[in-house]
Protein backbone atom coordinates (compact mmCIF):
# COMPACT_ATOMS: atom_id res chain seq x y z
CA MET A 1 0.25 -36.31 21.00
CA THR A 2 3.12 -39.20 21.17
CA TYR A 3 2.61 -42.56 22.97
CA TYR A 4 5.43 -44.98 23.47
CA VAL A 5 4.68 -48.46 24.71
CA THR A 6 7.30 -51.18 24.93
CA THR A 7 7.26 -54.81 25.77
CA PRO A 8 10.37 -55.99 27.82
CA ILE A 9 12.85 -57.28 25.28
CA PHE A 10 12.69 -61.26 25.40
CA TYR A 11 15.33 -63.26 26.88
CA VAL A 12 16.56 -65.77 24.16
CA ASN A 13 17.77 -68.62 26.23
CA GLY A 14 14.55 -70.47 25.05
CA SER A 15 11.85 -70.51 22.60
CA PRO A 16 8.81 -68.23 23.11
CA HIS A 17 5.95 -69.51 25.18
CA ILE A 18 2.61 -68.19 26.29
CA GLY A 19 3.92 -65.69 28.83
CA HIS A 20 5.94 -63.78 26.04
CA ALA A 21 2.71 -63.84 24.02
CA TYR A 22 0.44 -62.45 26.75
CA THR A 23 2.79 -59.50 27.27
CA ALA A 24 3.12 -58.75 23.59
CA ILE A 25 -0.82 -59.19 22.99
CA ALA A 26 -1.43 -56.71 25.92
CA ALA A 27 1.01 -53.80 24.73
CA ASP A 28 -0.46 -54.48 21.25
CA VAL A 29 -4.02 -53.76 22.47
CA ILE A 30 -2.77 -50.54 23.89
CA ALA A 31 -0.68 -49.44 21.03
CA ARG A 32 -3.87 -50.07 18.60
CA PHE A 33 -6.18 -48.43 20.95
CA LYS A 34 -4.00 -45.26 21.07
CA ARG A 35 -3.67 -45.26 17.33
CA LEU A 36 -7.46 -45.48 16.98
CA ASP A 37 -7.65 -42.54 19.33
CA GLY A 38 -5.73 -40.59 17.13
CA GLU A 39 -2.21 -40.58 18.92
CA ASP A 40 1.30 -40.85 17.55
CA VAL A 41 2.32 -44.21 18.64
CA ARG A 42 5.83 -46.04 18.73
CA PHE A 43 5.84 -49.34 19.81
CA LEU A 44 8.82 -51.24 20.58
CA SER A 45 9.72 -54.82 21.28
CA GLY A 46 12.70 -57.12 20.92
CA THR A 47 15.01 -59.62 21.98
CA ASP A 48 17.56 -59.54 25.03
CA GLU A 49 20.54 -61.46 23.61
CA HIS A 50 23.58 -61.27 26.03
CA GLY A 51 24.47 -62.71 29.24
CA GLN A 52 25.82 -65.82 30.94
CA LYS A 53 22.64 -67.97 30.76
CA VAL A 54 22.44 -67.28 26.88
CA GLU A 55 26.24 -68.32 26.65
CA LYS A 56 25.49 -71.50 28.53
CA ALA A 57 22.27 -72.11 26.24
CA ALA A 58 24.45 -71.52 23.26
CA ARG A 59 27.05 -73.86 24.36
CA ASP A 60 24.49 -76.72 25.47
CA ALA A 61 23.20 -76.24 21.75
CA GLY A 62 26.36 -76.66 20.43
CA LEU A 63 26.05 -73.28 18.62
CA ASP A 64 28.40 -70.09 18.76
CA PRO A 65 26.20 -67.40 20.82
CA GLN A 66 25.65 -65.29 17.83
CA ALA A 67 24.44 -68.21 15.63
CA PHE A 68 22.25 -69.43 18.74
CA THR A 69 20.93 -65.80 19.27
CA ASP A 70 20.23 -65.10 15.61
CA ARG A 71 18.04 -68.44 15.49
CA VAL A 72 16.19 -67.72 18.69
CA SER A 73 15.45 -64.11 17.84
CA ALA A 74 14.09 -65.15 14.70
CA GLU A 75 11.45 -67.24 16.73
CA PHE A 76 10.37 -64.40 18.51
CA ARG A 77 9.90 -62.14 15.47
CA THR A 78 7.87 -65.02 14.03
CA MET A 79 5.73 -65.30 17.24
CA LEU A 80 4.90 -61.59 16.94
CA THR A 81 3.73 -62.00 13.21
CA THR A 82 1.75 -64.92 14.38
CA LEU A 83 0.02 -62.93 16.86
CA ASN A 84 -0.52 -59.96 14.74
CA ILE A 85 1.43 -57.80 16.65
CA SER A 86 1.78 -54.20 15.33
CA ASN A 87 5.22 -53.19 16.78
CA ASP A 88 6.94 -50.55 14.82
CA ASP A 89 10.35 -51.57 15.68
CA PHE A 90 12.16 -54.80 16.94
CA ILE A 91 15.69 -54.31 18.50
CA ARG A 92 18.32 -56.79 19.18
CA THR A 93 20.84 -56.11 21.75
CA THR A 94 23.40 -57.83 19.58
CA GLU A 95 22.71 -54.95 16.83
CA PRO A 96 25.40 -52.12 16.53
CA ARG A 97 22.71 -49.43 17.08
CA HIS A 98 22.17 -51.13 20.54
CA LYS A 99 25.71 -51.94 21.31
CA ALA A 100 26.73 -48.12 20.21
CA GLY A 101 24.03 -46.71 22.49
CA ALA A 102 24.27 -48.91 25.66
CA THR A 103 28.28 -48.26 25.32
CA ALA A 104 27.40 -44.43 25.23
CA LEU A 105 25.28 -44.78 28.48
CA TRP A 106 27.87 -46.48 30.25
CA GLU A 107 30.29 -43.70 29.26
CA LYS A 108 27.83 -40.94 30.67
CA LEU A 109 27.32 -42.87 34.03
CA PHE A 110 31.22 -43.56 34.09
CA ALA A 111 32.08 -39.98 33.39
CA ALA A 112 29.39 -38.73 36.06
CA GLY A 113 31.24 -40.59 38.63
CA ASP A 114 28.42 -42.95 39.25
CA ILE A 115 30.34 -46.34 38.11
CA TYR A 116 33.59 -47.13 40.00
CA LEU A 117 35.61 -50.38 39.79
CA GLY A 118 35.34 -52.60 42.86
CA HIS A 119 34.32 -56.23 43.34
CA TYR A 120 31.31 -58.13 44.20
CA GLU A 121 31.03 -60.97 46.53
CA GLY A 122 27.64 -62.67 47.32
CA PHE A 123 24.97 -64.97 45.86
CA TYR A 124 24.48 -64.89 42.26
CA ALA A 125 21.52 -66.89 40.30
CA VAL A 126 22.49 -67.68 36.65
CA ARG A 127 18.85 -68.26 35.69
CA ASP A 128 17.66 -64.94 37.00
CA GLU A 129 20.98 -63.05 36.02
CA ASP A 130 20.35 -61.38 39.33
CA PHE A 131 22.39 -60.98 42.78
CA TYR A 132 20.70 -61.91 46.08
CA GLY A 133 21.46 -61.18 49.59
CA GLU A 134 21.40 -63.54 52.41
CA ASP A 135 18.22 -62.66 53.82
CA ASP A 136 16.61 -63.31 50.12
CA LEU A 137 17.62 -66.99 50.09
CA THR A 138 15.91 -70.47 51.08
CA THR A 139 17.71 -73.45 52.11
CA LEU A 140 16.37 -76.66 50.99
CA PRO A 141 16.66 -79.84 52.84
CA ASP A 142 19.62 -81.12 50.67
CA GLY A 143 21.43 -77.63 51.50
CA THR A 144 20.76 -76.17 48.15
CA ARG A 145 20.19 -72.21 48.42
CA ILE A 146 17.57 -70.90 46.26
CA ALA A 147 16.47 -67.40 45.50
CA PRO A 148 12.82 -66.19 45.76
CA THR A 149 12.14 -67.43 42.26
CA GLY A 150 13.21 -71.01 42.98
CA ALA A 151 16.70 -70.50 40.85
CA PRO A 152 19.54 -72.05 42.48
CA VAL A 153 22.23 -69.48 43.56
CA GLU A 154 26.01 -69.72 43.74
CA TRP A 155 28.72 -67.77 45.72
CA VAL A 156 30.52 -65.54 43.26
CA ARG A 157 33.58 -63.26 44.02
CA GLU A 158 34.97 -61.25 41.07
CA PRO A 159 36.27 -57.89 40.42
CA ASN A 160 33.24 -55.92 39.22
CA TYR A 161 32.37 -52.55 38.25
CA LEU A 162 29.51 -51.18 40.40
CA PHE A 163 26.86 -48.56 40.06
CA ARG A 164 26.19 -46.09 42.82
CA LEU A 165 22.66 -47.34 43.34
CA SER A 166 22.66 -46.08 47.04
CA ALA A 167 23.13 -42.54 46.04
CA TYR A 168 19.59 -42.45 44.29
CA GLN A 169 17.60 -43.80 47.08
CA ASP A 170 16.36 -40.56 48.19
CA ARG A 171 15.45 -39.37 44.61
CA LEU A 172 13.72 -42.50 43.90
CA LEU A 173 11.53 -42.25 46.92
CA ALA A 174 10.81 -38.51 45.91
CA HIS A 175 9.89 -39.42 42.32
CA TYR A 176 7.40 -42.25 43.84
CA GLU A 177 5.99 -39.78 46.09
CA ALA A 178 5.47 -37.07 43.39
CA ASN A 179 4.09 -39.68 40.82
CA PRO A 180 1.76 -41.92 42.49
CA ASP A 181 1.13 -43.72 39.06
CA PHE A 182 4.65 -44.24 38.27
CA VAL A 183 4.31 -47.92 39.17
CA GLY A 184 1.34 -50.23 38.79
CA PRO A 185 -0.66 -52.16 39.96
CA ALA A 186 -0.76 -50.57 43.47
CA GLY A 187 0.42 -53.63 45.33
CA LYS A 188 3.57 -53.57 43.20
CA ARG A 189 4.19 -50.09 43.85
CA ASN A 190 4.03 -50.83 47.57
CA GLU A 191 6.48 -53.67 47.13
CA MET A 192 8.79 -51.62 45.13
CA LEU A 193 8.84 -48.72 47.72
CA ALA A 194 9.27 -51.12 50.56
CA PHE A 195 12.28 -52.40 48.69
CA ILE A 196 13.83 -49.04 48.24
CA ARG A 197 13.03 -48.06 52.07
CA GLY A 198 14.86 -51.04 52.91
CA GLY A 199 18.12 -49.56 51.97
CA LEU A 200 19.60 -49.63 48.43
CA ASN A 201 23.25 -51.14 47.94
CA ASP A 202 25.37 -50.35 44.96
CA LEU A 203 24.76 -52.58 42.12
CA SER A 204 27.43 -54.89 40.21
CA VAL A 205 27.14 -53.51 36.50
CA SER A 206 29.92 -55.83 35.05
CA ARG A 207 30.91 -59.42 34.98
CA SER A 208 34.40 -60.67 34.30
CA SER A 209 33.88 -64.44 34.44
CA PHE A 210 32.37 -64.92 31.00
CA ARG A 211 32.70 -63.10 27.66
CA TRP A 212 29.24 -62.89 25.76
CA GLY A 213 28.19 -59.49 26.36
CA ILE A 214 29.10 -55.66 25.39
CA PRO A 215 32.68 -55.07 26.53
CA VAL A 216 33.20 -52.27 29.05
CA PRO A 217 34.75 -49.24 27.57
CA ASN A 218 38.52 -49.06 28.24
CA ASP A 219 38.33 -52.52 30.24
CA PRO A 220 37.91 -55.49 27.66
CA ASP A 221 38.05 -57.86 30.71
CA HIS A 222 34.61 -57.06 31.87
CA VAL A 223 31.30 -57.12 29.97
CA MET A 224 28.32 -55.07 30.79
CA TYR A 225 25.81 -56.60 33.25
CA VAL A 226 23.11 -58.03 31.28
CA TRP A 227 20.48 -55.80 32.88
CA LEU A 228 22.32 -52.38 32.39
CA ASP A 229 22.84 -53.57 28.71
CA ALA A 230 19.21 -54.67 28.16
CA LEU A 231 17.36 -51.93 29.88
CA ALA A 232 19.06 -49.50 27.51
CA ASN A 233 17.09 -50.80 24.51
CA TYR A 234 14.26 -48.59 25.46
CA ILE A 235 16.52 -45.62 24.44
CA THR A 236 18.76 -47.09 22.08
CA ALA A 237 15.70 -48.15 19.62
CA LEU A 238 15.29 -44.24 19.65
CA GLY A 239 18.84 -43.57 18.54
CA TYR A 240 20.26 -42.50 21.62
CA PRO A 241 22.92 -41.15 22.33
CA ALA A 242 21.56 -38.78 19.81
CA GLU A 243 18.84 -36.94 21.36
CA ASP A 244 17.92 -34.67 18.24
CA THR A 245 16.45 -37.38 16.10
CA ALA A 246 12.72 -37.58 14.98
CA LEU A 247 12.19 -40.62 17.10
CA TRP A 248 13.70 -39.05 20.13
CA ARG A 249 10.44 -37.00 20.42
CA PHE A 250 9.00 -40.27 21.96
CA TRP A 251 10.91 -40.35 24.93
CA PRO A 252 10.21 -40.43 27.90
CA ALA A 253 8.20 -43.70 27.43
CA ASN A 254 4.54 -43.61 28.33
CA LEU A 255 4.51 -47.12 29.24
CA HIS A 256 6.91 -50.11 29.87
CA LEU A 257 4.82 -53.15 30.06
CA VAL A 258 6.65 -56.05 32.00
CA GLY A 259 6.36 -59.32 33.85
CA LYS A 260 6.15 -58.97 37.65
CA ASP A 261 9.39 -61.12 38.02
CA ILE A 262 11.39 -58.12 36.21
CA GLN A 263 9.58 -55.29 37.93
CA ARG A 264 12.42 -54.09 40.12
CA PHE A 265 14.93 -53.92 37.53
CA HIS A 266 12.64 -51.59 35.53
CA ALA A 267 11.25 -49.70 38.52
CA ILE A 268 14.19 -49.10 40.59
CA TYR A 269 17.58 -49.90 38.84
CA TRP A 270 16.28 -48.33 35.33
CA PRO A 271 15.10 -45.02 36.66
CA ALA A 272 18.10 -44.69 38.68
CA PHE A 273 20.28 -45.22 35.66
CA LEU A 274 18.34 -42.66 33.86
CA MET A 275 18.46 -40.02 36.55
CA ALA A 276 22.44 -40.74 36.63
CA ALA A 277 22.53 -39.95 32.87
CA GLY A 278 20.57 -36.75 33.01
CA LEU A 279 17.44 -38.23 31.13
CA PRO A 280 13.79 -38.38 31.94
CA VAL A 281 12.37 -41.39 33.60
CA PRO A 282 9.45 -43.44 31.99
CA ARG A 283 6.06 -42.20 33.10
CA ARG A 284 4.75 -45.45 34.06
CA ILE A 285 5.85 -49.05 34.55
CA PHE A 286 3.33 -51.79 34.80
CA ALA A 287 3.78 -55.38 35.77
CA HIS A 288 1.56 -58.11 34.93
CA GLY A 289 1.07 -61.29 36.67
CA TRP A 290 2.15 -65.01 35.64
CA TRP A 291 0.03 -67.71 33.74
CA THR A 292 0.31 -70.79 35.38
CA ILE A 293 -0.46 -74.33 34.17
CA ASP A 294 -1.79 -76.72 36.63
CA GLY A 295 -0.90 -74.51 39.27
CA ALA A 296 2.83 -74.07 38.51
CA LYS A 297 4.35 -71.07 36.95
CA MET A 298 5.19 -71.63 33.22
CA SER A 299 8.97 -71.57 32.56
CA LYS A 300 11.26 -72.37 29.90
CA SER A 301 13.71 -73.69 32.23
CA VAL A 302 11.28 -75.96 34.02
CA GLY A 303 9.68 -76.82 30.35
CA ASN A 304 5.94 -76.53 31.41
CA VAL A 305 5.29 -74.18 28.66
CA VAL A 306 2.14 -73.71 26.33
CA ASP A 307 3.38 -72.86 22.80
CA PRO A 308 1.45 -69.82 21.46
CA HIS A 309 1.71 -71.11 17.90
CA ASP A 310 0.00 -74.40 18.94
CA LEU A 311 -2.89 -72.24 20.60
CA VAL A 312 -3.41 -70.21 17.27
CA ALA A 313 -3.27 -73.18 15.21
CA LYS A 314 -5.85 -75.05 17.37
CA TYR A 315 -8.25 -72.17 18.49
CA GLY A 316 -7.67 -69.11 16.10
CA LEU A 317 -5.72 -66.29 16.60
CA ASP A 318 -8.44 -63.66 17.93
CA ALA A 319 -9.88 -66.21 20.07
CA VAL A 320 -6.49 -66.55 21.93
CA ARG A 321 -6.00 -62.83 21.94
CA PHE A 322 -9.35 -62.37 23.65
CA PHE A 323 -8.90 -65.13 26.05
CA LEU A 324 -5.72 -64.20 27.58
CA LEU A 325 -6.95 -60.44 28.24
CA ARG A 326 -10.58 -61.56 29.36
CA GLU A 327 -10.03 -64.50 31.66
CA VAL A 328 -8.28 -62.93 34.57
CA PRO A 329 -7.94 -59.23 35.69
CA PHE A 330 -4.63 -57.75 33.90
CA GLY A 331 -2.16 -57.47 36.61
CA ASN A 332 -3.16 -60.73 38.66
CA ASP A 333 -1.90 -64.34 37.99
CA GLY A 334 -4.15 -66.69 36.35
CA ASP A 335 -4.28 -70.55 35.42
CA PHE A 336 -4.43 -71.56 31.80
CA SER A 337 -6.98 -73.85 30.83
CA HIS A 338 -8.23 -75.19 27.49
CA ARG A 339 -11.71 -75.75 28.71
CA ALA A 340 -12.03 -72.17 29.93
CA LEU A 341 -10.69 -70.96 26.77
CA VAL A 342 -13.46 -72.91 24.62
CA SER A 343 -16.32 -71.65 27.32
CA ARG A 344 -15.21 -67.89 26.78
CA PHE A 345 -15.34 -68.48 22.83
CA THR A 346 -18.59 -70.17 22.89
CA THR A 347 -20.32 -67.97 25.49
CA GLU A 348 -19.02 -64.62 24.75
CA LEU A 349 -17.67 -64.32 21.22
CA ALA A 350 -20.09 -67.00 19.24
CA ASN A 351 -23.47 -66.56 21.30
CA ASP A 352 -23.24 -62.84 22.57
CA LEU A 353 -21.13 -60.82 20.10
CA GLY A 354 -21.41 -63.07 17.06
CA ASN A 355 -25.03 -64.03 17.52
CA LEU A 356 -26.02 -60.47 18.01
CA ALA A 357 -24.46 -59.45 15.01
CA GLN A 358 -25.86 -62.14 12.71
CA ARG A 359 -29.40 -61.94 14.03
CA PHE A 360 -29.91 -58.30 12.99
CA LEU A 361 -27.72 -58.49 9.70
CA SER A 362 -29.66 -61.45 8.62
CA LEU A 363 -32.94 -59.56 9.36
CA ILE A 364 -31.49 -56.29 7.01
CA ALA A 365 -30.48 -58.70 4.44
CA LYS A 366 -33.95 -60.32 4.40
CA ASN A 367 -36.24 -57.52 4.76
CA CYS A 368 -34.36 -54.22 3.75
CA GLY A 369 -32.87 -55.54 0.63
CA GLY A 370 -29.55 -55.66 2.35
CA LEU A 371 -29.49 -52.01 2.28
CA LEU A 372 -28.70 -50.15 5.77
CA PRO A 373 -31.92 -48.56 7.11
CA GLU A 374 -32.31 -44.95 7.53
CA ALA A 375 -32.17 -43.78 11.20
CA GLY A 376 -35.49 -42.66 12.51
CA PRO A 377 -37.12 -41.10 15.42
CA ARG A 378 -35.50 -42.64 18.84
CA THR A 379 -37.56 -44.26 21.48
CA GLU A 380 -36.27 -44.06 25.17
CA ALA A 381 -35.07 -47.62 24.63
CA ASP A 382 -33.14 -46.68 21.49
CA SER A 383 -31.60 -43.79 23.12
CA GLU A 384 -30.70 -45.69 26.23
CA LEU A 385 -28.71 -48.41 24.20
CA LEU A 386 -27.17 -45.82 21.84
CA ALA A 387 -25.90 -43.74 24.75
CA ALA A 388 -24.35 -46.56 26.46
CA ALA A 389 -22.55 -47.49 23.27
CA GLU A 390 -21.35 -43.90 22.41
CA ALA A 391 -19.77 -44.01 25.92
CA LEU A 392 -17.50 -46.85 25.18
CA PRO A 393 -14.58 -44.84 23.85
CA ALA A 394 -14.33 -42.57 26.86
CA SER A 395 -14.77 -45.39 29.38
CA LEU A 396 -12.12 -47.62 27.46
CA ARG A 397 -9.57 -44.75 27.61
CA GLU A 398 -9.58 -44.22 31.05
CA LYS A 399 -9.35 -48.18 31.62
CA ILE A 400 -6.60 -48.59 29.02
CA ASP A 401 -4.44 -45.82 30.58
CA ARG A 402 -4.70 -47.95 33.88
CA GLN A 403 -4.00 -51.14 32.04
CA ALA A 404 -7.32 -52.50 33.29
CA LEU A 405 -7.73 -54.44 29.94
CA GLY A 406 -10.14 -57.07 31.35
CA GLU A 407 -12.45 -54.22 32.81
CA ALA A 408 -12.42 -52.47 29.41
CA ILE A 409 -13.64 -55.74 27.82
CA GLU A 410 -16.38 -55.80 30.60
CA ASP A 411 -17.58 -52.47 29.62
CA VAL A 412 -18.03 -53.64 26.07
CA TRP A 413 -19.98 -56.84 27.27
CA ARG A 414 -22.32 -54.95 29.35
CA VAL A 415 -23.48 -53.08 26.03
CA ILE A 416 -23.35 -56.29 24.07
CA ARG A 417 -25.60 -57.85 26.56
CA ALA A 418 -28.05 -54.78 26.41
CA GLY A 419 -27.94 -55.09 22.71
CA ASN A 420 -29.13 -58.70 22.91
CA ALA A 421 -31.93 -57.71 25.47
CA TYR A 422 -32.73 -54.97 23.23
CA ILE A 423 -33.30 -57.02 20.08
CA ASP A 424 -35.42 -59.47 22.07
CA HIS A 425 -37.56 -56.95 23.41
CA GLN A 426 -38.09 -54.91 20.21
CA ALA A 427 -38.60 -58.18 18.24
CA PRO A 428 -38.07 -56.97 14.78
CA TRP A 429 -39.10 -60.13 13.30
CA ALA A 430 -42.39 -59.37 14.54
CA LEU A 431 -42.45 -55.86 13.66
CA ARG A 432 -41.90 -56.66 10.14
CA ARG A 433 -45.68 -57.51 10.00
CA THR A 434 -46.88 -55.07 12.40
CA ASP A 435 -44.93 -51.88 11.93
CA PRO A 436 -42.17 -52.17 9.07
CA PRO A 437 -40.80 -48.56 9.49
CA ARG A 438 -40.08 -49.27 13.29
CA MET A 439 -38.56 -52.52 12.35
CA ALA A 440 -36.11 -50.65 10.01
CA HIS A 441 -35.27 -48.04 12.85
CA VAL A 442 -34.53 -50.89 15.45
CA LEU A 443 -32.17 -52.63 12.77
CA ARG A 444 -30.72 -49.10 12.28
CA VAL A 445 -30.09 -48.80 15.94
CA LEU A 446 -28.43 -52.27 16.17
CA ALA A 447 -26.24 -51.40 13.22
CA ASP A 448 -24.95 -48.15 14.73
CA VAL A 449 -24.37 -49.87 18.13
CA GLN A 450 -22.52 -52.78 16.67
CA ARG A 451 -20.25 -50.44 14.57
CA ILE A 452 -19.28 -48.92 17.88
CA ILE A 453 -18.67 -52.30 19.68
CA ALA A 454 -16.62 -53.66 16.70
CA THR A 455 -14.39 -50.41 16.45
CA VAL A 456 -13.58 -50.24 20.30
CA LEU A 457 -12.85 -54.04 20.00
CA LEU A 458 -10.43 -53.65 17.11
CA PRO A 459 -7.40 -53.47 19.22
CA PHE A 460 -8.47 -56.69 21.09
CA MET A 461 -9.31 -58.74 17.88
CA PRO A 462 -8.29 -56.69 14.89
CA ALA A 463 -9.04 -59.36 12.13
CA SER A 464 -12.33 -60.54 13.54
CA MET A 465 -13.49 -56.72 14.05
CA ASP A 466 -12.33 -56.02 10.76
CA ARG A 467 -14.59 -58.59 9.24
CA MET A 468 -17.54 -57.34 11.24
CA LEU A 469 -16.90 -53.83 10.08
CA ASP A 470 -16.82 -55.13 6.69
CA GLN A 471 -20.24 -56.62 7.14
CA LEU A 472 -21.43 -53.43 8.51
CA GLY A 473 -20.21 -51.42 5.43
CA VAL A 474 -17.78 -49.40 7.37
CA PRO A 475 -15.10 -47.97 4.97
CA ALA A 476 -11.48 -49.06 5.92
CA ASP A 477 -10.55 -45.29 6.36
CA GLN A 478 -13.45 -44.69 8.88
CA ARG A 479 -12.32 -47.20 11.45
CA SER A 480 -11.23 -44.72 14.35
CA PHE A 481 -12.84 -43.31 17.28
CA ALA A 482 -13.02 -39.86 15.41
CA ALA A 483 -14.91 -41.38 12.68
CA LEU A 484 -17.68 -42.65 14.74
CA SER A 485 -19.12 -39.07 14.88
CA VAL A 486 -19.77 -39.43 11.20
CA PRO A 487 -23.00 -41.50 10.38
CA LEU A 488 -23.04 -44.28 8.07
CA ALA A 489 -24.77 -43.42 4.49
CA ASP A 490 -28.06 -44.58 4.54
CA ALA A 491 -29.14 -47.26 1.95
CA THR A 492 -25.29 -48.67 2.10
CA LYS A 493 -25.29 -51.74 0.37
CA LEU A 494 -24.24 -54.47 2.96
CA PRO A 495 -22.61 -57.74 2.02
CA PRO A 496 -24.24 -60.99 2.72
CA PRO A 497 -23.94 -61.76 6.51
CA GLN A 498 -21.46 -64.34 7.48
CA GLY A 499 -20.52 -65.72 10.95
CA ILE A 500 -17.56 -64.23 12.37
CA PHE A 501 -17.01 -67.06 15.14
CA PRO A 502 -17.41 -70.47 14.15
CA LYS A 503 -18.52 -73.13 16.59
CA MET A 504 -15.44 -74.47 18.80
CA VAL A 505 -15.20 -77.97 19.92
CA GLU A 506 -13.34 -78.58 23.17
CA ASP A 507 -10.12 -80.43 22.93
CA THR A 508 -10.91 -83.63 24.75
CA ASP A 509 -7.41 -84.55 24.85
CA ALA A 510 -6.21 -81.61 26.52
CA LYS A 511 -5.31 -81.78 30.26
CA SER A 512 -7.51 -79.08 31.32
C-alpha cells in the first residue's frame, strides 16, 4: 500500500523558523509511522522560490533572485537535516523538472478552456501573495487597508490570465459532500465550505508587473501566479506530466499537511486545478495551527521567530520534537514557552519514560546477570499491562490517520504511567529476596512493554527510541510493528543501562 505525505513547500523570503519545523516534524512522524506499519511511503518537502515577495527580498539583500533562493533553500535543507526529517525528496520550484511540469499543467488547463486572458483589478497583498475583496479588508486609523492576515494591501490593475474557478464551485461542493474527511480539522472544513458556498470568483493566475516566476507559455510578458506554480510541486515531484513513471503510483497524495494560513489554496484552488486537468484530487488536506510567542504569531516578516537550530542546540533534538507535538492538540494554536518545554521534558521524558526504563533495566543488570529473563506465567496484572501495550499500534494508527498526534502520545503515556504503577506495586526489588522467579517474570513483562512503547514512539523521537531499543537488545531489523509479534530471545545479553534523557536545567535567561 502506498502512502504519499507532503509538507507545504516553504517560502524562501526568509530563514526557517519554528513554524516550518513544526510542519516538518509532524509530517515526519506520520511518514515514519507509516513505514513502521509496512507501507510504501513517499515523503516530499521543498521550497517555493518564485513571486514578487521573493524578488523584493532578493533585491533588499543585494542579490540576484536565483542566488538568493539558492542560499535560502539550502537553509531549509539544513533545517530538515538538523531535525532528522526523513523526506524522500526535496523539490525546488526553480528546478527544471518543476518548471517543465508546471508549464505542462498550465498548458493542460489552457487547452481545456479553463484559463483565459482578462485583467485583474482589486486589492493585492504582496506579503501573502494573495488577492482580497473589499469585504475582506480592515481600515486602520491611519487609512491603511489590511488583509485578515494583517498584511497591507495595494490596489492593483493589470492584465492577467484567469482560471475559471467559478465553474468548479458545484464540483467542489459535491466532492466535500462525498468525502467528509477531505479537509481537517472539522472547523477548517466548515470554513472552506462557507467560502465555497459564498461564491467563487475566477482566479488571477498570472502577473505581469514583475519577472521572477515561470513564464506563461506563449506569452512571456506574464509569469505564473506563484500559487499555481507552487501547488504543482506535489505532482511535478512525481514526474508530471509523465503519468507512467514509477513514482506516479503515489498520486493522489494521501495527505497534504499545511498551516492554516494556506489552507484555502490547498483545499479550494488546488483541487479545482486538478479537476480541470483531469487528475485525481488529494485524499486529505489537514491544516495545523500557529505557534505564537508572547501571544503574537511568529512571522518572518514581523521578526519574532524562534530559530529551530537554537532550540535543538539548547535542549536536544528529540526533546524539541516531543514538545512541539505534545504541548497542544495538533490543529490548535499554541504559545511557545521555554519553561513549558523544560517541564514536559522533566516530567514526562525523564521521570515517566526514562525512569521506568532505568528502574527495571538496572534490576536486570544487577540481578539477572544482564540477561533478558524468560517469560513466565502471567498474573492478571501482567496480562492487563501487556494488553494495554499490545493495543498501542492499532490505537495509534487510528489517531495518526486523523492527525491527532497529541492524542497518540497520550495513548502511549497512559501505558507508561501504568508501567510505573505496575513496578511500584510488584516491587521486584523486594521479590528478589522473597520470590526470585517472580521477580524475573515481572522484569520480563516490563521489558516486553517497554519494547512496544519504544517502537511506537520511534516516529516521534527516533534517535532516543533507537537507543532505548538498543538497551532492550532489539535487533535493528526488528524495529517495526510487524516484528512486535516475534518475542525477543530469552537470555539475550543486554548492554549496561544508560540514561536516555539527561537532566535539563531551565534557561533562566529565556523570556518564558
